[in-house]
Amino acid sequence: MKKILVVAAHPDDEVLGCGGTVARLVKEGFEAYTLILGEGITSRDDSRDIEKRKYEIENLKKKVYESANIIGVKDIYLYNFPDNRFDRVDLLDIVKTIEKVKSMIQPDILFTHFEKDINIDHRITYNAVSVATRPVREETVKELYSFKILSSTDWSFGSVFEPDVFFDITDTLEVKLRAIEKYKSELRDFPHPRSLKGVMIDAEYWGMCSGLGYAEAFKSIRILR
């Protein structure tokens, strides 16, 4: 049985980036796992105060599990790297975290962030994944993809996301929408991209670009055959 690992910086990135694709692959018999590196809350304050935001952090973690249950994710790994402050953490610490989880799962396919997102945590996550999945002989990851995040990838003007892989999510778009609805605190009203309508439009746009109904788009980083 093939295994998928999604490595995301924050809660909700895993659904926005590839929720429909993961739901589809789970239906096709894949095992899916999610690693979320950051707590996703404390950047909203002037200084990081875990205790002040403890309830919100725990509630957000509950939403990760509720959302994953809808998609069909088998297991979740949650860490508390500081939100929008990954650049204050030694890259090696993030790499080691990814390597630890990856060694337990032995995934065949890995999805993560686009290298030129406006969000610093997304960029560092991409860099850390690149290090953690170096193509040595014992590496299990044979397909490595980056995804876009609404209101992050599309706001990084001058750094174009040019996908070359498209997954048809016509049959799982509704699953993705139900999963992202769990993150009510992270959603915004349209025309903000990170809205339910924004997610719909994005899937419709990539479906139109690729000749599919509704689609998620990815940039392939490395594929071994």
Protein backbone atom coordinates (compact mmCIF):
# COMPACT_ATOMS: atom_id res chain seq x y z
CA MET A 1 0.00 0.00 0.00
CA LYS A 2 1.36 3.40 -0.99
CA LYS A 3 1.61 6.12 1.65
CA ILE A 4 1.19 9.88 1.45
CA LEU A 5 2.69 12.46 3.80
CA VAL A 6 1.56 16.08 3.78
CA VAL A 7 4.03 18.45 5.47
CA ALA A 8 2.36 21.77 6.23
CA ALA A 9 3.41 24.82 8.21
CA HIS A 10 0.05 25.63 9.80
CA PRO A 11 -3.35 24.10 10.52
CA ASP A 12 -5.59 24.52 7.44
CA ASP A 13 -2.64 24.58 4.97
CA GLU A 14 -2.98 20.82 4.57
CA VAL A 15 -6.57 21.16 3.37
CA LEU A 16 -6.15 24.32 1.30
CA GLY A 17 -3.11 22.90 -0.44
CA CYS A 18 -4.11 19.34 -1.26
CA GLY A 19 -7.23 18.31 0.67
CA GLY A 20 -9.17 17.24 -2.41
CA THR A 21 -6.25 15.26 -3.82
CA VAL A 22 -5.56 13.46 -0.56
CA ALA A 23 -9.27 12.61 -0.19
CA ARG A 24 -9.23 11.20 -3.72
CA LEU A 25 -6.09 9.13 -3.15
CA VAL A 26 -7.45 7.76 0.12
CA LYS A 27 -10.53 6.58 -1.78
CA GLU A 28 -8.16 4.88 -4.22
CA GLY A 29 -6.51 2.93 -1.41
CA PHE A 30 -3.62 5.12 -0.27
CA GLU A 31 -2.77 5.72 3.38
CA ALA A 32 -2.48 9.41 4.23
CA TYR A 33 -0.62 11.13 7.07
CA THR A 34 -0.30 14.79 8.01
CA LEU A 35 2.57 16.61 9.72
CA ILE A 36 1.83 20.17 10.83
CA LEU A 37 4.87 22.01 12.11
CA GLY A 38 3.56 25.26 13.60
CA GLU A 39 0.94 26.17 16.19
CA GLY A 40 -0.61 28.69 13.81
CA ILE A 41 -1.88 31.30 16.27
CA THR A 42 0.66 33.41 18.15
CA SER A 43 1.71 35.71 15.29
CA ARG A 44 -1.51 37.59 15.95
CA ASP A 45 0.11 39.11 19.04
CA ASP A 46 3.02 41.53 19.31
CA SER A 47 5.01 38.89 21.17
CA ARG A 48 4.67 35.14 21.37
CA ASP A 49 2.67 34.07 24.43
CA ILE A 50 1.70 30.39 24.37
CA GLU A 51 -0.18 30.59 27.66
CA LYS A 52 -2.29 33.52 26.49
CA ARG A 53 -3.32 31.61 23.37
CA LYS A 54 -3.40 28.14 24.93
CA TYR A 55 -7.14 27.62 24.52
CA GLU A 56 -7.13 28.78 20.90
CA ILE A 57 -4.13 26.59 20.05
CA GLU A 58 -5.79 23.52 21.54
CA ASN A 59 -9.05 24.31 19.77
CA LEU A 60 -7.23 24.69 16.46
CA LYS A 61 -5.60 21.31 17.01
CA LYS A 62 -9.03 19.77 17.50
CA LYS A 63 -10.05 21.19 14.14
CA VAL A 64 -7.05 19.49 12.55
CA TYR A 65 -8.38 16.12 13.71
CA GLU A 66 -11.97 16.87 12.73
CA SER A 67 -10.86 17.97 9.27
CA ALA A 68 -8.54 14.99 8.83
CA ASN A 69 -11.34 12.61 9.76
CA ILE A 70 -13.46 13.99 6.93
CA ILE A 71 -10.64 13.56 4.41
CA GLY A 72 -9.67 10.12 5.66
CA VAL A 73 -6.20 10.83 7.05
CA LYS A 74 -4.90 7.90 9.08
CA ASP A 75 -2.69 9.77 11.56
CA ILE A 76 -1.58 13.31 12.40
CA TYR A 77 1.65 14.70 13.86
CA LEU A 78 1.42 18.15 15.45
CA TYR A 79 4.27 20.38 16.58
CA ASN A 80 4.46 23.86 18.09
CA PHE A 81 7.05 25.79 16.11
CA PRO A 82 6.33 29.54 16.48
CA ASP A 83 3.77 30.93 14.06
CA ASN A 84 5.30 33.12 11.34
CA ARG A 85 8.61 32.92 13.20
CA PHE A 86 10.16 29.78 11.70
CA ASP A 87 13.12 31.98 10.77
CA ARG A 88 13.93 32.19 14.50
CA VAL A 89 14.30 28.41 14.67
CA ASP A 90 17.41 26.54 13.57
CA LEU A 91 16.57 24.97 10.21
CA LEU A 92 18.13 21.75 11.42
CA ASP A 93 15.49 21.45 14.16
CA ILE A 94 12.73 21.59 11.56
CA VAL A 95 14.57 19.18 9.27
CA LYS A 96 15.04 16.69 12.11
CA THR A 97 11.33 16.88 12.96
CA ILE A 98 10.38 16.08 9.37
CA GLU A 99 12.96 13.29 9.18
CA LYS A 100 11.65 11.76 12.41
CA VAL A 101 8.05 11.59 11.17
CA LYS A 102 9.09 10.55 7.67
CA SER A 103 11.18 7.66 9.01
CA MET A 104 8.15 6.32 10.91
CA ILE A 105 5.79 6.54 7.93
CA GLN A 106 8.11 5.75 5.01
CA PRO A 107 5.94 7.68 2.54
CA ASP A 108 6.02 7.19 -1.22
CA ILE A 109 4.48 10.58 -2.02
CA LEU A 110 5.00 13.88 -0.20
CA PHE A 111 3.14 17.18 -0.61
CA THR A 112 4.42 20.47 0.82
CA HIS A 113 4.55 24.23 0.29
CA PHE A 114 5.68 26.24 -2.73
CA GLU A 115 9.22 27.57 -2.38
CA LYS A 116 8.35 31.24 -3.08
CA ASP A 117 5.26 31.84 -0.97
CA ILE A 118 4.88 35.21 0.72
CA ASN A 119 4.68 33.42 4.09
CA ILE A 120 8.10 32.86 5.69
CA ASP A 121 6.99 29.63 7.41
CA HIS A 122 5.88 28.18 4.08
CA ARG A 123 9.23 28.95 2.46
CA ILE A 124 11.19 27.46 5.33
CA THR A 125 8.99 24.37 5.34
CA TYR A 126 9.79 23.87 1.66
CA ASN A 127 13.51 24.25 2.36
CA ALA A 128 13.37 21.84 5.29
CA VAL A 129 11.46 19.24 3.26
CA SER A 130 14.03 19.53 0.47
CA VAL A 131 16.79 18.73 2.94
CA ALA A 132 14.84 15.96 4.67
CA THR A 133 14.09 14.19 1.38
CA ARG A 134 17.54 14.25 -0.18
CA PRO A 135 17.63 11.67 -3.00
CA VAL A 136 19.89 9.13 -1.32
CA ARG A 137 19.43 5.44 -2.06
CA GLU A 138 17.38 4.69 1.06
CA GLU A 139 14.96 7.60 0.54
CA THR A 140 11.38 6.33 0.23
CA VAL A 141 9.82 9.48 -1.25
CA LYS A 142 9.57 8.94 -4.98
CA GLU A 143 7.13 11.75 -5.77
CA LEU A 144 7.58 15.20 -4.25
CA TYR A 145 5.12 18.01 -5.00
CA SER A 146 4.55 21.59 -3.86
CA PHE A 147 1.10 23.13 -3.54
CA LYS A 148 -0.31 26.66 -3.50
CA ILE A 149 -2.05 28.28 -0.55
CA LEU A 150 -4.77 30.84 -1.15
CA SER A 151 -3.80 34.28 0.22
CA SER A 152 -0.14 33.25 0.38
CA THR A 153 1.07 31.82 -2.91
CA ASP A 154 -1.17 34.11 -4.95
CA TRP A 155 -0.04 37.20 -3.01
CA SER A 156 3.66 36.62 -3.66
CA PHE A 157 3.73 38.97 -6.63
CA GLY A 158 6.62 38.43 -9.00
CA SER A 159 7.06 34.80 -7.93
CA VAL A 160 4.83 32.81 -10.24
CA PHE A 161 3.39 29.44 -9.25
CA GLU A 162 3.63 27.40 -12.47
CA PRO A 163 2.01 24.00 -11.86
CA ASP A 164 2.72 21.03 -14.07
CA VAL A 165 0.63 18.36 -12.31
CA PHE A 166 -3.15 18.46 -11.91
CA PHE A 167 -5.37 16.12 -9.91
CA ASP A 168 -9.04 15.87 -10.80
CA ILE A 169 -10.97 16.50 -7.56
CA THR A 170 -14.43 16.73 -9.08
CA ASP A 171 -15.58 13.83 -6.90
CA THR A 172 -13.86 15.08 -3.73
CA LEU A 173 -14.31 18.86 -3.88
CA GLU A 174 -17.28 18.59 -1.55
CA VAL A 175 -15.10 16.65 0.90
CA LYS A 176 -12.47 19.41 0.76
CA LEU A 177 -15.10 22.07 1.41
CA ARG A 178 -16.50 20.20 4.42
CA ALA A 179 -12.97 19.75 5.77
CA ILE A 180 -11.99 23.41 5.39
CA GLU A 181 -15.28 24.49 7.00
CA LYS A 182 -13.94 23.05 10.24
CA TYR A 183 -11.44 25.90 10.28
CA LYS A 184 -14.02 28.64 10.73
CA SER A 185 -11.56 30.84 12.63
CA GLU A 186 -9.20 30.81 9.64
CA LEU A 187 -11.77 31.46 6.91
CA ARG A 188 -12.70 34.92 5.67
CA ASP A 189 -15.57 36.40 3.68
CA PHE A 190 -15.33 36.54 -0.10
CA PRO A 191 -13.63 38.21 -1.98
CA HIS A 192 -10.83 37.16 0.38
CA PRO A 193 -9.12 34.18 -1.34
CA ARG A 194 -9.26 32.08 1.84
CA SER A 195 -13.03 31.75 1.75
CA LEU A 196 -15.31 28.89 0.76
CA LYS A 197 -16.12 30.66 -2.49
CA GLY A 198 -12.41 31.30 -3.03
CA VAL A 199 -11.66 27.58 -2.65
CA MET A 200 -14.42 26.78 -5.14
CA ILE A 201 -13.18 29.33 -7.67
CA ASP A 202 -9.59 28.08 -7.32
CA ALA A 203 -10.63 24.48 -8.04
CA GLU A 204 -12.75 25.64 -10.94
CA TYR A 205 -9.90 27.72 -12.38
CA TRP A 206 -7.37 24.88 -12.29
CA GLY A 207 -9.97 22.53 -13.71
CA MET A 208 -10.50 24.97 -16.57
CA CYS A 209 -6.73 25.25 -17.13
CA SER A 210 -6.26 21.50 -17.26
CA GLY A 211 -9.41 20.39 -19.06
CA LEU A 212 -10.84 18.79 -15.93
CA GLY A 213 -13.97 19.53 -13.92
CA TYR A 214 -12.44 20.75 -10.65
CA ALA A 215 -8.75 20.35 -9.94
CA GLU A 216 -5.88 20.97 -7.56
CA ALA A 217 -2.59 22.10 -9.08
CA PHE A 218 0.95 21.19 -8.04
CA LYS A 219 4.50 21.94 -9.04
CA SER A 220 6.52 18.75 -9.25
CA ILE A 221 9.81 18.98 -7.37
CA ARG A 222 11.14 15.50 -8.00
CA ILE A 223 9.59 12.35 -9.43
CA LEU A 224 11.49 9.08 -9.66
CA ARG A 225 10.46 6.28 -11.98
